[in-house]
Amino acid sequence: MGDIGRFDNPKQLQKLAGYAIVANDSGKHNGESRISYRGRKRLRYVLYEAAISLIGKNAEFRAIHEYYRTRKENPLKKMQSVVAVACKVLRIFYTILTKGADYDAGKLMGDIRRPQIQAA
């Protein structure tokens, strides 16, 4: 990946890894969106393996994975959720490395909007 300072935002890293979302459209046909696979295969593989490991071992990432799979609006399939967690891992690594911030599980879980908790 090289020097992390050469990237302006984490979206550029996602594109480098091949996790950029592209539309599968042609003419009047509107297909489902998918990841591009145009990036570096090894980086994508390492991020995928890290996401699988974090989902299995870390309670916060497991909760995020379950949230993505069970939310009412736009629930994701299992593999789509793992890719979303891998992108989140990439964004967390980018923030830690560029800003020198410490890992904070509260900020990680703050991204999830849960209606039942907000109503209470």
PDB file of N, CA and C in Angstrom:
ATOM      1  N   MET A   1       0.832  -1.185   0.000  1.00  0.00           N
ATOM      2  CA  MET A   1       0.000   0.000   0.000  1.00  0.00           C
ATOM      3  C   MET A   1       0.871   1.242   0.000  1.00  0.00           C
ATOM      4  N   GLY A   2       2.041   1.154   0.600  1.00  0.00           N
ATOM      5  CA  GLY A   2       2.930   2.312   0.592  1.00  0.00           C
ATOM      6  C   GLY A   2       2.619   3.298   1.703  1.00  0.00           C
ATOM      7  N   ASP A   3       3.002   4.533   1.478  1.00  0.00           N
ATOM      8  CA  ASP A   3       2.821   5.590   2.464  1.00  0.00           C
ATOM      9  C   ASP A   3       1.348   5.966   2.569  1.00  0.00           C
ATOM     10  N   ILE A   4       0.812   5.911   3.771  1.00  0.00           N
ATOM     11  CA  ILE A   4      -0.614   6.220   3.985  1.00  0.00           C
ATOM     12  C   ILE A   4      -0.901   7.707   3.790  1.00  0.00           C
ATOM     13  N   GLY A   5       0.134   8.547   3.913  1.00  0.00           N
ATOM     14  CA  GLY A   5      -0.044   9.982   3.784  1.00  0.00           C
ATOM     15  C   GLY A   5      -0.360  10.442   2.372  1.00  0.00           C
ATOM     16  N   ARG A   6      -0.143   9.585   1.385  1.00  0.00           N
ATOM     17  CA  ARG A   6      -0.424   9.993   0.010  1.00  0.00           C
ATOM     18  C   ARG A   6      -1.903   9.904  -0.353  1.00  0.00           C
ATOM     19  N   PHE A   7      -2.703   9.363   0.551  1.00  0.00           N
ATOM     20  CA  PHE A   7      -4.142   9.264   0.314  1.00  0.00           C
ATOM     21  C   PHE A   7      -4.858  10.386   1.049  1.00  0.00           C
ATOM     22  N   ASP A   8      -5.803  11.019   0.368  1.00  0.00           N
ATOM     23  CA  ASP A   8      -6.541  12.131   0.964  1.00  0.00           C
ATOM     24  C   ASP A   8      -7.688  11.664   1.846  1.00  0.00           C
ATOM     25  N   ASN A   9      -8.291  10.541   1.506  1.00  0.00           N
ATOM     26  CA  ASN A   9      -9.399  10.022   2.301  1.00  0.00           C
ATOM     27  C   ASN A   9      -9.455   8.499   2.173  1.00  0.00           C
ATOM     28  N   PRO A  10     -10.206   7.850   3.057  1.00  0.00           N
ATOM     29  CA  PRO A  10     -10.247   6.382   3.031  1.00  0.00           C
ATOM     30  C   PRO A  10     -10.921   5.802   1.793  1.00  0.00           C
ATOM     31  N   LYS A  11     -11.732   6.580   1.093  1.00  0.00           N
ATOM     32  CA  LYS A  11     -12.371   6.087  -0.129  1.00  0.00           C
ATOM     33  C   LYS A  11     -11.316   5.724  -1.174  1.00  0.00           C
ATOM     34  N   GLN A  12     -10.201   6.472  -1.183  1.00  0.00           N
ATOM     35  CA  GLN A  12      -9.129   6.153  -2.119  1.00  0.00           C
ATOM     36  C   GLN A  12      -8.487   4.818  -1.778  1.00  0.00           C
ATOM     37  N   LEU A  13      -8.383   4.523  -0.497  1.00  0.00           N
ATOM     38  CA  LEU A  13      -7.861   3.215  -0.078  1.00  0.00           C
ATOM     39  C   LEU A  13      -8.813   2.094  -0.465  1.00  0.00           C
ATOM     40  N   GLN A  14     -10.116   2.335  -0.306  1.00  0.00           N
ATOM     41  CA  GLN A  14     -11.102   1.338  -0.700  1.00  0.00           C
ATOM     42  C   GLN A  14     -10.987   1.053  -2.194  1.00  0.00           C
ATOM     43  N   LYS A  15     -10.777   2.100  -2.982  1.00  0.00           N
ATOM     44  CA  LYS A  15     -10.638   1.916  -4.417  1.00  0.00           C
ATOM     45  C   LYS A  15      -9.364   1.144  -4.736  1.00  0.00           C
ATOM     46  N   LEU A  16      -8.282   1.419  -4.009  1.00  0.00           N
ATOM     47  CA  LEU A  16      -7.025   0.705  -4.204  1.00  0.00           C
ATOM     48  C   LEU A  16      -7.191  -0.785  -3.896  1.00  0.00           C
ATOM     49  N   ALA A  17      -8.006  -1.093  -2.905  1.00  0.00           N
ATOM     50  CA  ALA A  17      -8.234  -2.484  -2.530  1.00  0.00           C
ATOM     51  C   ALA A  17      -9.244  -3.181  -3.436  1.00  0.00           C
ATOM     52  N   GLY A  18      -9.951  -2.431  -4.266  1.00  0.00           N
ATOM     53  CA  GLY A  18     -10.969  -3.035  -5.126  1.00  0.00           C
ATOM     54  C   GLY A  18     -12.316  -3.144  -4.459  1.00  0.00           C
ATOM     55  N   TYR A  19     -12.505  -2.409  -3.369  1.00  0.00           N
ATOM     56  CA  TYR A  19     -13.789  -2.424  -2.670  1.00  0.00           C
ATOM     57  C   TYR A  19     -14.676  -1.254  -3.062  1.00  0.00           C
ATOM     58  N   ALA A  20     -14.389  -0.593  -4.174  1.00  0.00           N
ATOM     59  CA  ALA A  20     -15.242   0.490  -4.655  1.00  0.00           C
ATOM     60  C   ALA A  20     -16.541  -0.105  -5.196  1.00  0.00           C
ATOM     61  N   ILE A  21     -17.649   0.551  -4.922  1.00  0.00           N
ATOM     62  CA  ILE A  21     -18.959   0.063  -5.370  1.00  0.00           C
ATOM     63  C   ILE A  21     -19.204   0.565  -6.796  1.00  0.00           C
ATOM     64  N   VAL A  22     -19.548  -0.342  -7.690  1.00  0.00           N
ATOM     65  CA  VAL A  22     -19.869   0.022  -9.068  1.00  0.00           C
ATOM     66  C   VAL A  22     -21.256  -0.502  -9.404  1.00  0.00           C
ATOM     67  N   ALA A  23     -21.950   0.236 -10.248  1.00  0.00           N
ATOM     68  CA  ALA A  23     -23.288  -0.160 -10.671  1.00  0.00           C
ATOM     69  C   ALA A  23     -23.177  -1.150 -11.816  1.00  0.00           C
ATOM     70  N   ASN A  24     -24.072  -2.091 -11.860  1.00  0.00           N
ATOM     71  CA  ASN A  24     -24.112  -3.095 -12.927  1.00  0.00           C
ATOM     72  C   ASN A  24     -25.287  -2.753 -13.830  1.00  0.00           C
ATOM     73  N   ASP A  25     -25.180  -1.611 -14.530  1.00  0.00           N
ATOM     74  CA  ASP A  25     -26.262  -1.111 -15.364  1.00  0.00           C
ATOM     75  C   ASP A  25     -25.847  -1.120 -16.829  1.00  0.00           C
ATOM     76  N   SER A  26     -26.830  -1.277 -17.683  1.00  0.00           N
ATOM     77  CA  SER A  26     -26.590  -1.214 -19.110  1.00  0.00           C
ATOM     78  C   SER A  26     -27.894  -0.847 -19.797  1.00  0.00           C
ATOM     79  N   GLY A  27     -27.934   0.314 -20.409  1.00  0.00           N
ATOM     80  CA  GLY A  27     -29.152   0.736 -21.098  1.00  0.00           C
ATOM     81  C   GLY A  27     -30.306   0.878 -20.130  1.00  0.00           C
ATOM     82  N   LYS A  28     -31.360   0.125 -20.347  1.00  0.00           N
ATOM     83  CA  LYS A  28     -32.528   0.170 -19.468  1.00  0.00           C
ATOM     84  C   LYS A  28     -32.417  -0.807 -18.309  1.00  0.00           C
ATOM     85  N   HIS A  29     -31.424  -1.693 -18.357  1.00  0.00           N
ATOM     86  CA  HIS A  29     -31.244  -2.702 -17.301  1.00  0.00           C
ATOM     87  C   HIS A  29     -30.562  -2.084 -16.091  1.00  0.00           C
ATOM     88  N   ASN A  30     -31.150  -2.247 -14.937  1.00  0.00           N
ATOM     89  CA  ASN A  30     -30.556  -1.800 -13.685  1.00  0.00           C
ATOM     90  C   ASN A  30     -30.260  -3.020 -12.829  1.00  0.00           C
ATOM     91  N   GLY A  31     -28.999  -3.407 -12.770  1.00  0.00           N
ATOM     92  CA  GLY A  31     -28.594  -4.558 -11.974  1.00  0.00           C
ATOM     93  C   GLY A  31     -28.207  -4.139 -10.572  1.00  0.00           C
ATOM     94  N   GLU A  32     -27.797  -5.110  -9.789  1.00  0.00           N
ATOM     95  CA  GLU A  32     -27.365  -4.826  -8.426  1.00  0.00           C
ATOM     96  C   GLU A  32     -25.960  -4.242  -8.431  1.00  0.00           C
ATOM     97  N   SER A  33     -25.669  -3.428  -7.446  1.00  0.00           N
ATOM     98  CA  SER A  33     -24.325  -2.887  -7.296  1.00  0.00           C
ATOM     99  C   SER A  33     -23.417  -3.977  -6.741  1.00  0.00           C
ATOM    100  N   ARG A  34     -22.140  -3.877  -7.083  1.00  0.00           N
ATOM    101  CA  ARG A  34     -21.169  -4.855  -6.605  1.00  0.00           C
ATOM    102  C   ARG A  34     -19.837  -4.151  -6.408  1.00  0.00           C
ATOM    103  N   ILE A  35     -18.846  -4.863  -5.851  1.00  0.00           N
ATOM    104  CA  ILE A  35     -17.522  -4.268  -5.705  1.00  0.00           C
ATOM    105  C   ILE A  35     -16.780  -4.419  -7.031  1.00  0.00           C
ATOM    106  N   SER A  36     -15.809  -3.539  -7.260  1.00  0.00           N
ATOM    107  CA  SER A  36     -15.184  -3.467  -8.581  1.00  0.00           C
ATOM    108  C   SER A  36     -14.155  -4.561  -8.844  1.00  0.00           C
ATOM    109  N   TYR A  37     -13.464  -5.066  -7.829  1.00  0.00           N
ATOM    110  CA  TYR A  37     -12.389  -6.060  -7.964  1.00  0.00           C
ATOM    111  C   TYR A  37     -11.210  -5.547  -8.792  1.00  0.00           C
ATOM    112  N   ARG A  38     -11.103  -4.247  -9.012  1.00  0.00           N
ATOM    113  CA  ARG A  38     -10.051  -3.714  -9.866  1.00  0.00           C
ATOM    114  C   ARG A  38      -8.795  -3.337  -9.097  1.00  0.00           C
ATOM    115  N   GLY A  39      -8.808  -3.514  -7.807  1.00  0.00           N
ATOM    116  CA  GLY A  39      -7.667  -3.105  -7.006  1.00  0.00           C
ATOM    117  C   GLY A  39      -6.688  -4.228  -6.761  1.00  0.00           C
ATOM    118  N   ARG A  40      -5.961  -4.087  -5.696  1.00  0.00           N
ATOM    119  CA  ARG A  40      -4.931  -5.064  -5.351  1.00  0.00           C
ATOM    120  C   ARG A  40      -5.553  -6.256  -4.629  1.00  0.00           C
ATOM    121  N   LYS A  41      -5.331  -7.409  -5.209  1.00  0.00           N
ATOM    122  CA  LYS A  41      -5.969  -8.631  -4.727  1.00  0.00           C
ATOM    123  C   LYS A  41      -5.494  -8.999  -3.324  1.00  0.00           C
ATOM    124  N   ARG A  42      -4.211  -8.852  -3.056  1.00  0.00           N
ATOM    125  CA  ARG A  42      -3.684  -9.230  -1.739  1.00  0.00           C
ATOM    126  C   ARG A  42      -4.201  -8.312  -0.639  1.00  0.00           C
ATOM    127  N   LEU A  43      -4.300  -7.028  -0.930  1.00  0.00           N
ATOM    128  CA  LEU A  43      -4.843  -6.089   0.057  1.00  0.00           C
ATOM    129  C   LEU A  43      -6.295  -6.428   0.357  1.00  0.00           C
ATOM    130  N   ARG A  44      -7.053  -6.737  -0.682  1.00  0.00           N
ATOM    131  CA  ARG A  44      -8.453  -7.120  -0.493  1.00  0.00           C
ATOM    132  C   ARG A  44      -8.551  -8.402   0.329  1.00  0.00           C
ATOM    133  N   TYR A  45      -7.670  -9.357   0.067  1.00  0.00           N
ATOM    134  CA  TYR A  45      -7.664 -10.623   0.801  1.00  0.00           C
ATOM    135  C   TYR A  45      -7.320 -10.401   2.277  1.00  0.00           C
ATOM    136  N   VAL A  46      -6.312  -9.579   2.551  1.00  0.00           N
ATOM    137  CA  VAL A  46      -5.912  -9.311   3.939  1.00  0.00           C
ATOM    138  C   VAL A  46      -7.036  -8.612   4.691  1.00  0.00           C
ATOM    139  N   LEU A  47      -7.694  -7.648   4.049  1.00  0.00           N
ATOM    140  CA  LEU A  47      -8.812  -6.953   4.695  1.00  0.00           C
ATOM    141  C   LEU A  47      -9.976  -7.904   4.951  1.00  0.00           C
ATOM    142  N   TYR A  48     -10.250  -8.801   4.007  1.00  0.00           N
ATOM    143  CA  TYR A  48     -11.322  -9.785   4.184  1.00  0.00           C
ATOM    144  C   TYR A  48     -11.015 -10.710   5.357  1.00  0.00           C
ATOM    145  N   GLU A  49      -9.785 -11.208   5.419  1.00  0.00           N
ATOM    146  CA  GLU A  49      -9.402 -12.098   6.517  1.00  0.00           C
ATOM    147  C   GLU A  49      -9.440 -11.368   7.857  1.00  0.00           C
ATOM    148  N   ALA A  50      -9.022 -10.108   7.873  1.00  0.00           N
ATOM    149  CA  ALA A  50      -9.091  -9.318   9.105  1.00  0.00           C
ATOM    150  C   ALA A  50     -10.538  -9.130   9.542  1.00  0.00           C
ATOM    151  N   ALA A  51     -11.418  -8.874   8.580  1.00  0.00           N
ATOM    152  CA  ALA A  51     -12.831  -8.691   8.912  1.00  0.00           C
ATOM    153  C   ALA A  51     -13.434  -9.974   9.476  1.00  0.00           C
ATOM    154  N   ILE A  52     -13.125 -11.119   8.862  1.00  0.00           N
ATOM    155  CA  ILE A  52     -13.639 -12.404   9.355  1.00  0.00           C
ATOM    156  C   ILE A  52     -13.147 -12.655  10.779  1.00  0.00           C
ATOM    157  N   SER A  53     -11.873 -12.391  11.014  1.00  0.00           N
ATOM    158  CA  SER A  53     -11.295 -12.605  12.341  1.00  0.00           C
ATOM    159  C   SER A  53     -11.929 -11.670  13.371  1.00  0.00           C
ATOM    160  N   LEU A  54     -12.106 -10.399  12.999  1.00  0.00           N
ATOM    161  CA  LEU A  54     -12.703  -9.442  13.933  1.00  0.00           C
ATOM    162  C   LEU A  54     -14.160  -9.780  14.236  1.00  0.00           C
ATOM    163  N   ILE A  55     -14.889 -10.237  13.244  1.00  0.00           N
ATOM    164  CA  ILE A  55     -16.286 -10.625  13.478  1.00  0.00           C
ATOM    165  C   ILE A  55     -16.345 -11.795  14.453  1.00  0.00           C
ATOM    166  N   GLY A  56     -15.380 -12.702  14.349  1.00  0.00           N
ATOM    167  CA  GLY A  56     -15.363 -13.871  15.230  1.00  0.00           C
ATOM    168  C   GLY A  56     -14.877 -13.570  16.634  1.00  0.00           C
ATOM    169  N   LYS A  57     -13.957 -12.625  16.789  1.00  0.00           N
ATOM    170  CA  LYS A  57     -13.303 -12.411  18.078  1.00  0.00           C
ATOM    171  C   LYS A  57     -13.701 -11.138  18.806  1.00  0.00           C
ATOM    172  N   ASN A  58     -14.129 -10.099  18.071  1.00  0.00           N
ATOM    173  CA  ASN A  58     -14.390  -8.797  18.672  1.00  0.00           C
ATOM    174  C   ASN A  58     -15.896  -8.563  18.778  1.00  0.00           C
ATOM    175  N   ALA A  59     -16.365  -8.222  19.963  1.00  0.00           N
ATOM    176  CA  ALA A  59     -17.812  -8.054  20.188  1.00  0.00           C
ATOM    177  C   ALA A  59     -18.381  -6.874  19.410  1.00  0.00           C
ATOM    178  N   GLU A  60     -17.618  -5.770  19.297  1.00  0.00           N
ATOM    179  CA  GLU A  60     -18.129  -4.600  18.584  1.00  0.00           C
ATOM    180  C   GLU A  60     -18.325  -4.890  17.098  1.00  0.00           C
ATOM    181  N   PHE A  61     -17.332  -5.521  16.482  1.00  0.00           N
ATOM    182  CA  PHE A  61     -17.443  -5.839  15.060  1.00  0.00           C
ATOM    183  C   PHE A  61     -18.503  -6.911  14.814  1.00  0.00           C
ATOM    184  N   ARG A  62     -18.682  -7.827  15.757  1.00  0.00           N
ATOM    185  CA  ARG A  62     -19.743  -8.821  15.630  1.00  0.00           C
ATOM    186  C   ARG A  62     -21.110  -8.133  15.673  1.00  0.00           C
ATOM    187  N   ALA A  63     -21.246  -7.126  16.549  1.00  0.00           N
ATOM    188  CA  ALA A  63     -22.507  -6.390  16.633  1.00  0.00           C
ATOM    189  C   ALA A  63     -22.771  -5.596  15.349  1.00  0.00           C
ATOM    190  N   ILE A  64     -21.735  -5.023  14.782  1.00  0.00           N
ATOM    191  CA  ILE A  64     -21.902  -4.287  13.523  1.00  0.00           C
ATOM    192  C   ILE A  64     -22.316  -5.243  12.409  1.00  0.00           C
ATOM    193  N   HIS A  65     -21.671  -6.403  12.354  1.00  0.00           N
ATOM    194  CA  HIS A  65     -22.013  -7.411  11.347  1.00  0.00           C
ATOM    195  C   HIS A  65     -23.472  -7.841  11.492  1.00  0.00           C
ATOM    196  N   GLU A  66     -23.906  -8.101  12.702  1.00  0.00           N
ATOM    197  CA  GLU A  66     -25.301  -8.499  12.928  1.00  0.00           C
ATOM    198  C   GLU A  66     -26.267  -7.361  12.591  1.00  0.00           C
ATOM    199  N   TYR A  67     -25.872  -6.128  12.888  1.00  0.00           N
ATOM    200  CA  TYR A  67     -26.713  -4.981  12.547  1.00  0.00           C
ATOM    201  C   TYR A  67     -26.899  -4.890  11.037  1.00  0.00           C
ATOM    202  N   TYR A  68     -25.812  -5.015  10.289  1.00  0.00           N
ATOM    203  CA  TYR A  68     -25.907  -4.941   8.826  1.00  0.00           C
ATOM    204  C   TYR A  68     -26.793  -6.047   8.274  1.00  0.00           C
ATOM    205  N   ARG A  69     -26.764  -7.203   8.880  1.00  0.00           N
ATOM    206  CA  ARG A  69     -27.535  -8.337   8.371  1.00  0.00           C
ATOM    207  C   ARG A  69     -29.001  -8.290   8.773  1.00  0.00           C
ATOM    208  N   THR A  70     -29.334  -7.635   9.891  1.00  0.00           N
ATOM    209  CA  THR A  70     -30.701  -7.712  10.413  1.00  0.00           C
ATOM    210  C   THR A  70     -31.446  -6.383  10.405  1.00  0.00           C
ATOM    211  N   ARG A  71     -30.857  -5.338   9.864  1.00  0.00           N
ATOM    212  CA  ARG A  71     -31.568  -4.052   9.860  1.00  0.00           C
ATOM    213  C   ARG A  71     -32.790  -4.132   8.953  1.00  0.00           C
ATOM    214  N   LYS A  72     -33.805  -3.313   9.264  1.00  0.00           N
ATOM    215  CA  LYS A  72     -35.061  -3.381   8.526  1.00  0.00           C
ATOM    216  C   LYS A  72     -34.915  -2.828   7.120  1.00  0.00           C
ATOM    217  N   GLU A  73     -34.223  -1.694   6.981  1.00  0.00           N
ATOM    218  CA  GLU A  73     -34.036  -1.092   5.668  1.00  0.00           C
ATOM    219  C   GLU A  73     -32.717  -1.575   5.076  1.00  0.00           C
ATOM    220  N   ASN A  74     -32.784  -2.183   3.915  1.00  0.00           N
ATOM    221  CA  ASN A  74     -31.609  -2.640   3.180  1.00  0.00           C
ATOM    222  C   ASN A  74     -30.732  -3.608   3.983  1.00  0.00           C
ATOM    223  N   PRO A  75     -31.275  -4.742   4.433  1.00  0.00           N
ATOM    224  CA  PRO A  75     -30.399  -5.722   5.105  1.00  0.00           C
ATOM    225  C   PRO A  75     -29.433  -6.332   4.096  1.00  0.00           C
ATOM    226  N   LEU A  76     -28.231  -6.595   4.550  1.00  0.00           N
ATOM    227  CA  LEU A  76     -27.204  -7.154   3.675  1.00  0.00           C
ATOM    228  C   LEU A  76     -27.124  -8.659   3.855  1.00  0.00           C
ATOM    229  N   LYS A  77     -26.668  -9.331   2.804  1.00  0.00           N
ATOM    230  CA  LYS A  77     -26.385 -10.749   2.904  1.00  0.00           C
ATOM    231  C   LYS A  77     -25.081 -10.911   3.673  1.00  0.00           C
ATOM    232  N   LYS A  78     -24.756 -12.143   4.044  1.00  0.00           N
ATOM    233  CA  LYS A  78     -23.599 -12.382   4.898  1.00  0.00           C
ATOM    234  C   LYS A  78     -22.303 -11.861   4.270  1.00  0.00           C
ATOM    235  N   MET A  79     -22.053 -12.189   3.018  1.00  0.00           N
ATOM    236  CA  MET A  79     -20.815 -11.774   2.367  1.00  0.00           C
ATOM    237  C   MET A  79     -20.778 -10.260   2.157  1.00  0.00           C
ATOM    238  N   GLN A  80     -21.916  -9.650   1.833  1.00  0.00           N
ATOM    239  CA  GLN A  80     -21.968  -8.199   1.687  1.00  0.00           C
ATOM    240  C   GLN A  80     -21.635  -7.526   3.008  1.00  0.00           C
ATOM    241  N   SER A  81     -22.112  -8.092   4.096  1.00  0.00           N
ATOM    242  CA  SER A  81     -21.831  -7.548   5.411  1.00  0.00           C
ATOM    243  C   SER A  81     -20.355  -7.675   5.764  1.00  0.00           C
ATOM    244  N   VAL A  82     -19.727  -8.789   5.396  1.00  0.00           N
ATOM    245  CA  VAL A  82     -18.294  -8.962   5.658  1.00  0.00           C
ATOM    246  C   VAL A  82     -17.490  -7.928   4.876  1.00  0.00           C
ATOM    247  N   VAL A  83     -17.882  -7.653   3.634  1.00  0.00           N
ATOM    248  CA  VAL A  83     -17.200  -6.632   2.837  1.00  0.00           C
ATOM    249  C   VAL A  83     -17.396  -5.259   3.458  1.00  0.00           C
ATOM    250  N   ALA A  84     -18.595  -4.976   3.962  1.00  0.00           N
ATOM    251  CA  ALA A  84     -18.843  -3.690   4.628  1.00  0.00           C
ATOM    252  C   ALA A  84     -17.985  -3.557   5.889  1.00  0.00           C
ATOM    253  N   VAL A  85     -17.835  -4.636   6.638  1.00  0.00           N
ATOM    254  CA  VAL A  85     -16.977  -4.618   7.832  1.00  0.00           C
ATOM    255  C   VAL A  85     -15.518  -4.435   7.425  1.00  0.00           C
ATOM    256  N   ALA A  86     -15.093  -5.060   6.323  1.00  0.00           N
ATOM    257  CA  ALA A  86     -13.720  -4.892   5.844  1.00  0.00           C
ATOM    258  C   ALA A  86     -13.454  -3.439   5.461  1.00  0.00           C
ATOM    259  N   CYS A  87     -14.429  -2.793   4.842  1.00  0.00           N
ATOM    260  CA  CYS A  87     -14.280  -1.369   4.509  1.00  0.00           C
ATOM    261  C   CYS A  87     -14.225  -0.522   5.771  1.00  0.00           C
ATOM    262  N   LYS A  88     -14.975  -0.907   6.780  1.00  0.00           N
ATOM    263  CA  LYS A  88     -14.946  -0.180   8.047  1.00  0.00           C
ATOM    264  C   LYS A  88     -13.589  -0.346   8.726  1.00  0.00           C
ATOM    265  N   VAL A  89     -13.015  -1.542   8.666  1.00  0.00           N
ATOM    266  CA  VAL A  89     -11.677  -1.784   9.212  1.00  0.00           C
ATOM    267  C   VAL A  89     -10.664  -0.893   8.503  1.00  0.00           C
ATOM    268  N   LEU A  90     -10.797  -0.782   7.200  1.00  0.00           N
ATOM    269  CA  LEU A  90      -9.889   0.064   6.423  1.00  0.00           C
ATOM    270  C   LEU A  90     -10.011   1.530   6.831  1.00  0.00           C
ATOM    271  N   ARG A  91     -11.234   1.994   7.044  1.00  0.00           N
ATOM    272  CA  ARG A  91     -11.435   3.384   7.484  1.00  0.00           C
ATOM    273  C   ARG A  91     -10.864   3.615   8.875  1.00  0.00           C
ATOM    274  N   ILE A  92     -10.995   2.630   9.757  1.00  0.00           N
ATOM    275  CA  ILE A  92     -10.454   2.751  11.118  1.00  0.00           C
ATOM    276  C   ILE A  92      -8.927   2.791  11.074  1.00  0.00           C
ATOM    277  N   PHE A  93      -8.326   1.904  10.279  1.00  0.00           N
ATOM    278  CA  PHE A  93      -6.863   1.918  10.133  1.00  0.00           C
ATOM    279  C   PHE A  93      -6.385   3.257   9.586  1.00  0.00           C
ATOM    280  N   TYR A  94      -7.100   3.790   8.604  1.00  0.00           N
ATOM    281  CA  TYR A  94      -6.713   5.072   8.009  1.00  0.00           C
ATOM    282  C   TYR A  94      -6.742   6.185   9.052  1.00  0.00           C
ATOM    283  N   THR A  95      -7.803   6.224   9.854  1.00  0.00           N
ATOM    284  CA  THR A  95      -7.933   7.258  10.884  1.00  0.00           C
ATOM    285  C   THR A  95      -6.854   7.120  11.946  1.00  0.00           C
ATOM    286  N   ILE A  96      -6.587   5.909  12.379  1.00  0.00           N
ATOM    287  CA  ILE A  96      -5.562   5.683  13.400  1.00  0.00           C
ATOM    288  C   ILE A  96      -4.192   6.101  12.881  1.00  0.00           C
ATOM    289  N   LEU A  97      -3.880   5.753  11.645  1.00  0.00           N
ATOM    290  CA  LEU A  97      -2.557   6.032  11.108  1.00  0.00           C
ATOM    291  C   LEU A  97      -2.362   7.497  10.719  1.00  0.00           C
ATOM    292  N   THR A  98      -3.395   8.161  10.231  1.00  0.00           N
ATOM    293  CA  THR A  98      -3.219   9.545   9.790  1.00  0.00           C
ATOM    294  C   THR A  98      -3.380  10.554  10.916  1.00  0.00           C
ATOM    295  N   LYS A  99      -4.305  10.308  11.829  1.00  0.00           N
ATOM    296  CA  LYS A  99      -4.569  11.283  12.888  1.00  0.00           C
ATOM    297  C   LYS A  99      -3.918  10.922  14.212  1.00  0.00           C
ATOM    298  N   GLY A 100      -3.382   9.726  14.316  1.00  0.00           N
ATOM    299  CA  GLY A 100      -2.746   9.302  15.553  1.00  0.00           C
ATOM    300  C   GLY A 100      -3.737   9.062  16.679  1.00  0.00           C
ATOM    301  N   ALA A 101      -4.987   8.822  16.334  1.00  0.00           N
ATOM    302  CA  ALA A 101      -6.025   8.593  17.338  1.00  0.00           C
ATOM    303  C   ALA A 101      -5.935   7.159  17.855  1.00  0.00           C
ATOM    304  N   ASP A 102      -6.444   6.954  19.054  1.00  0.00           N
ATOM    305  CA  ASP A 102      -6.524   5.618  19.622  1.00  0.00           C
ATOM    306  C   ASP A 102      -7.838   4.969  19.207  1.00  0.00           C
ATOM    307  N   TYR A 103      -7.856   3.638  19.233  1.00  0.00           N
ATOM    308  CA  TYR A 103      -9.075   2.902  18.924  1.00  0.00           C
ATOM    309  C   TYR A 103     -10.100   3.154  20.023  1.00  0.00           C
ATOM    310  N   ASP A 104     -11.314   3.538  19.631  1.00  0.00           N
ATOM    311  CA  ASP A 104     -12.379   3.816  20.583  1.00  0.00           C
ATOM    312  C   ASP A 104     -13.628   3.056  20.153  1.00  0.00           C
ATOM    313  N   ALA A 105     -14.002   2.062  20.944  1.00  0.00           N
ATOM    314  CA  ALA A 105     -15.178   1.246  20.609  1.00  0.00           C
ATOM    315  C   ALA A 105     -16.464   2.063  20.661  1.00  0.00           C
ATOM    316  N   GLY A 106     -16.515   3.094  21.496  1.00  0.00           N
ATOM    317  CA  GLY A 106     -17.703   3.940  21.576  1.00  0.00           C
ATOM    318  C   GLY A 106     -17.973   4.668  20.270  1.00  0.00           C
ATOM    319  N   LYS A 107     -16.915   5.187  19.648  1.00  0.00           N
ATOM    320  CA  LYS A 107     -17.079   5.851  18.356  1.00  0.00           C
ATOM    321  C   LYS A 107     -17.469   4.848  17.278  1.00  0.00           C
ATOM    322  N   LEU A 108     -16.902   3.657  17.370  1.00  0.00           N
ATOM    323  CA  LEU A 108     -17.215   2.611  16.403  1.00  0.00           C
ATOM    324  C   LEU A 108     -18.693   2.248  16.467  1.00  0.00           C
ATOM    325  N   MET A 109     -19.211   2.084  17.669  1.00  0.00           N
ATOM    326  CA  MET A 109     -20.611   1.707  17.823  1.00  0.00           C
ATOM    327  C   MET A 109     -21.546   2.894  17.628  1.00  0.00           C
ATOM    328  N   GLY A 110     -21.022   4.112  17.711  1.00  0.00           N
ATOM    329  CA  GLY A 110     -21.847   5.297  17.515  1.00  0.00           C
ATOM    330  C   GLY A 110     -22.327   5.452  16.088  1.00  0.00           C
ATOM    331  N   ASP A 111     -21.665   4.771  15.145  1.00  0.00           N
ATOM    332  CA  ASP A 111     -22.077   4.854  13.749  1.00  0.00           C
ATOM    333  C   ASP A 111     -23.386   4.125  13.478  1.00  0.00           C
ATOM    334  N   ILE A 112     -23.693   3.154  14.307  1.00  0.00           N
ATOM    335  CA  ILE A 112     -24.913   2.373  14.114  1.00  0.00           C
ATOM    336  C   ILE A 112     -26.083   3.149  14.697  1.00  0.00           C
ATOM    337  N   ARG A 113     -27.084   3.346  13.859  1.00  0.00           N
ATOM    338  CA  ARG A 113     -28.295   4.026  14.332  1.00  0.00           C
ATOM    339  C   ARG A 113     -29.347   2.966  14.619  1.00  0.00           C
ATOM    340  N   ARG A 114     -29.692   2.825  15.864  1.00  0.00           N
ATOM    341  CA  ARG A 114     -30.672   1.819  16.242  1.00  0.00           C
ATOM    342  C   ARG A 114     -31.945   2.533  16.729  1.00  0.00           C
ATOM    343  N   PRO A 115     -33.048   2.355  16.021  1.00  0.00           N
ATOM    344  CA  PRO A 115     -34.287   3.056  16.388  1.00  0.00           C
ATOM    345  C   PRO A 115     -34.784   2.707  17.783  1.00  0.00           C
ATOM    346  N   GLN A 116     -34.624   1.447  18.207  1.00  0.00           N
ATOM    347  CA  GLN A 116     -35.136   1.068  19.515  1.00  0.00           C
ATOM    348  C   GLN A 116     -34.352   1.753  20.643  1.00  0.00           C
ATOM    349  N   ILE A 117     -33.069   2.013  20.431  1.00  0.00           N
ATOM    350  CA  ILE A 117     -32.269   2.686  21.447  1.00  0.00           C
ATOM    351  C   ILE A 117     -32.559   4.177  21.430  1.00  0.00           C
ATOM    352  N   GLN A 118     -32.701   4.768  20.246  1.00  0.00           N
ATOM    353  CA  GLN A 118     -32.975   6.201  20.142  1.00  0.00           C
ATOM    354  C   GLN A 118     -34.355   6.548  20.694  1.00  0.00           C
ATOM    355  N   ALA A 119     -35.315   5.628  20.560  1.00  0.00           N
ATOM    356  CA  ALA A 119     -36.657   5.869  21.073  1.00  0.00           C
ATOM    357  C   ALA A 119     -36.666   5.872  22.593  1.00  0.00           C
ATOM    358  N   ALA A 120     -35.795   5.086  23.197  1.00  0.00           N
ATOM    359  CA  ALA A 120     -35.739   4.983  24.655  1.00  0.00           C
ATOM    360  C   ALA A 120     -35.026   6.151  25.240  1.00  0.00           C
TER     361      ALA A 120
END
